[in-house]
C-alpha atoms as a PDB file:
ATOM      1  CA  UNK A   1      17.245 -41.257 -62.377  1.00  0.00           C
ATOM      2  CA  UNK A   2      14.524 -38.618 -62.640  1.00  0.00           C
ATOM      3  CA  UNK A   3      12.822 -37.621 -59.390  1.00  0.00           C
ATOM      4  CA  UNK A   4       9.054 -37.254 -59.120  1.00  0.00           C
ATOM      5  CA  UNK A   5       7.320 -34.092 -57.987  1.00  0.00           C
ATOM      6  CA  UNK A   6       7.751 -33.560 -54.264  1.00  0.00           C
ATOM      7  CA  UNK A   7      10.625 -36.002 -53.739  1.00  0.00           C
ATOM      8  CA  UNK A   8      13.314 -33.344 -53.802  1.00  0.00           C
ATOM      9  CA  UNK A   9      11.957 -31.172 -50.994  1.00  0.00           C
ATOM     10  CA  UNK A  10       9.692 -33.691 -49.209  1.00  0.00           C
ATOM     11  CA  UNK A  11       6.395 -32.170 -50.191  1.00  0.00           C
ATOM     12  CA  UNK A  12       3.095 -33.586 -51.328  1.00  0.00           C
ATOM     13  CA  UNK A  13       0.917 -32.013 -53.991  1.00  0.00           C
ATOM     14  CA  UNK A  14      -2.880 -31.851 -53.953  1.00  0.00           C
ATOM     15  CA  UNK A  15      -5.382 -30.969 -56.647  1.00  0.00           C
ATOM     16  CA  UNK A  16      -7.703 -28.484 -55.001  1.00  0.00           C
ATOM     17  CA  UNK A  17     -11.054 -27.234 -56.311  1.00  0.00           C
ATOM     18  CA  UNK A  18     -12.757 -24.314 -54.579  1.00  0.00           C
ATOM     19  CA  UNK A  19     -16.361 -23.385 -55.387  1.00  0.00           C
ATOM     20  CA  UNK A  20     -17.046 -19.895 -54.034  1.00  0.00           C
ATOM     21  CA  UNK A  21     -20.514 -19.150 -52.689  1.00  0.00           C
ATOM     22  CA  UNK A  22     -22.722 -17.336 -55.240  1.00  0.00           C
ATOM     23  CA  UNK A  23     -23.595 -14.705 -52.599  1.00  0.00           C
ATOM     24  CA  UNK A  24     -19.943 -13.826 -51.997  1.00  0.00           C
ATOM     25  CA  UNK A  25     -18.993 -10.520 -53.629  1.00  0.00           C
ATOM     26  CA  UNK A  26     -16.482 -10.566 -56.471  1.00  0.00           C
ATOM     27  CA  UNK A  27     -14.313  -8.199 -54.440  1.00  0.00           C
ATOM     28  CA  UNK A  28     -14.184 -10.596 -51.470  1.00  0.00           C
ATOM     29  CA  UNK A  29     -13.581 -13.612 -53.732  1.00  0.00           C
ATOM     30  CA  UNK A  30     -10.651 -11.869 -55.438  1.00  0.00           C
ATOM     31  CA  UNK A  31      -9.283 -10.822 -52.046  1.00  0.00           C
ATOM     32  CA  UNK A  32      -9.332 -14.461 -50.871  1.00  0.00           C
ATOM     33  CA  UNK A  33      -7.632 -15.642 -54.061  1.00  0.00           C
ATOM     34  CA  UNK A  34      -4.947 -12.942 -53.857  1.00  0.00           C
ATOM     35  CA  UNK A  35      -4.331 -13.523 -50.157  1.00  0.00           C
ATOM     36  CA  UNK A  36      -4.381 -17.324 -49.980  1.00  0.00           C
ATOM     37  CA  UNK A  37      -3.416 -18.582 -53.432  1.00  0.00           C
ATOM     38  CA  UNK A  38      -0.261 -16.652 -54.197  1.00  0.00           C
ATOM     39  CA  UNK A  39       3.176 -17.582 -55.492  1.00  0.00           C
ATOM     40  CA  UNK A  40       3.452 -20.749 -53.406  1.00  0.00           C
ATOM     41  CA  UNK A  41       0.300 -22.193 -54.955  1.00  0.00           C
ATOM     42  CA  UNK A  42      -0.187 -23.045 -58.556  1.00  0.00           C
ATOM     43  CA  UNK A  43      -3.497 -21.785 -59.913  1.00  0.00           C
ATOM     44  CA  UNK A  44      -4.501 -24.063 -62.762  1.00  0.00           C
ATOM     45  CA  UNK A  45      -7.640 -22.164 -63.691  1.00  0.00           C
ATOM     46  CA  UNK A  46     -10.113 -19.660 -62.354  1.00  0.00           C
ATOM     47  CA  UNK A  47     -13.453 -19.464 -64.124  1.00  0.00           C
ATOM     48  CA  UNK A  48     -16.469 -17.775 -62.662  1.00  0.00           C
ATOM     49  CA  UNK A  49     -16.722 -18.942 -59.058  1.00  0.00           C
ATOM     50  CA  UNK A  50     -14.511 -22.022 -59.472  1.00  0.00           C
ATOM     51  CA  UNK A  51     -10.817 -22.027 -58.670  1.00  0.00           C
ATOM     52  CA  UNK A  52      -8.614 -25.025 -59.505  1.00  0.00           C
ATOM     53  CA  UNK A  53      -5.146 -25.147 -58.024  1.00  0.00           C
ATOM     54  CA  UNK A  54      -2.281 -27.462 -57.212  1.00  0.00           C
ATOM     55  CA  UNK A  55      -1.405 -27.009 -53.563  1.00  0.00           C
ATOM     56  CA  UNK A  56       1.997 -27.952 -52.175  1.00  0.00           C
ATOM     57  CA  UNK A  57       2.008 -29.176 -48.572  1.00  0.00           C
ATOM     58  CA  UNK A  58       4.940 -30.469 -46.494  1.00  0.00           C
ATOM     59  CA  UNK A  59       4.774 -34.269 -46.673  1.00  0.00           C
ATOM     60  CA  UNK A  60       4.624 -34.724 -42.892  1.00  0.00           C
ATOM     61  CA  UNK A  61       1.479 -32.550 -42.690  1.00  0.00           C
ATOM     62  CA  UNK A  62      -0.495 -34.676 -45.189  1.00  0.00           C
ATOM     63  CA  UNK A  63      -4.097 -33.915 -46.155  1.00  0.00           C
ATOM     64  CA  UNK A  64      -5.214 -32.631 -42.782  1.00  0.00           C
ATOM     65  CA  UNK A  65      -3.371 -29.380 -43.501  1.00  0.00           C
ATOM     66  CA  UNK A  66      -5.546 -28.836 -46.574  1.00  0.00           C
ATOM     67  CA  UNK A  67      -8.673 -29.335 -44.467  1.00  0.00           C
ATOM     68  CA  UNK A  68      -7.398 -27.121 -41.667  1.00  0.00           C
ATOM     69  CA  UNK A  69      -6.405 -24.334 -44.063  1.00  0.00           C
ATOM     70  CA  UNK A  70      -9.657 -24.441 -46.020  1.00  0.00           C
ATOM     71  CA  UNK A  71     -11.660 -24.266 -42.782  1.00  0.00           C
ATOM     72  CA  UNK A  72     -10.132 -20.848 -42.101  1.00  0.00           C
ATOM     73  CA  UNK A  73      -9.828 -19.607 -45.713  1.00  0.00           C
ATOM     74  CA  UNK A  74     -13.493 -20.341 -46.453  1.00  0.00           C
ATOM     75  CA  UNK A  75     -14.728 -19.385 -42.963  1.00  0.00           C
ATOM     76  CA  UNK A  76     -16.091 -22.857 -42.190  1.00  0.00           C
ATOM     77  CA  UNK A  77     -18.074 -22.951 -45.442  1.00  0.00           C
ATOM     78  CA  UNK A  78     -19.450 -19.403 -45.328  1.00  0.00           C
ATOM     79  CA  UNK A  79     -17.388 -18.369 -48.381  1.00  0.00           C
ATOM     80  CA  UNK A  80     -17.698 -21.626 -50.308  1.00  0.00           C
ATOM     81  CA  UNK A  81     -16.827 -25.302 -50.466  1.00  0.00           C
ATOM     82  CA  UNK A  82     -13.799 -27.275 -51.579  1.00  0.00           C
ATOM     83  CA  UNK A  83     -12.625 -30.714 -52.556  1.00  0.00           C
ATOM     84  CA  UNK A  84      -9.123 -32.068 -52.870  1.00  0.00           C
ATOM     85  CA  UNK A  85      -7.247 -35.149 -53.910  1.00  0.00           C
ATOM     86  CA  UNK A  86      -3.632 -36.140 -53.522  1.00  0.00           C
ATOM     87  CA  UNK A  87      -1.816 -35.725 -56.803  1.00  0.00           C
ATOM     88  CA  UNK A  88      -0.184 -38.885 -58.083  1.00  0.00           C
ATOM     89  CA  UNK A  89       2.509 -38.788 -60.775  1.00  0.00           C
END
């Protein structure tokens, strides 16, 4: 029987969309992307000021970990906004 994404290692996947603030410098935006969306995250696309990614979170940490992380990554909205949705296979 084929396992679904996340069943093997008890993780949950989220579709994440980040809209960077238009006043944020390109240098700072690229720094944030490089620092916080590396090998463990799956960047789907990055166009202009919009980043789309699939984020893998331990299943027991659920969606609140996305919110907690984005609070710090985006400096409580200073660097941009985000939305996310649990990925369903």
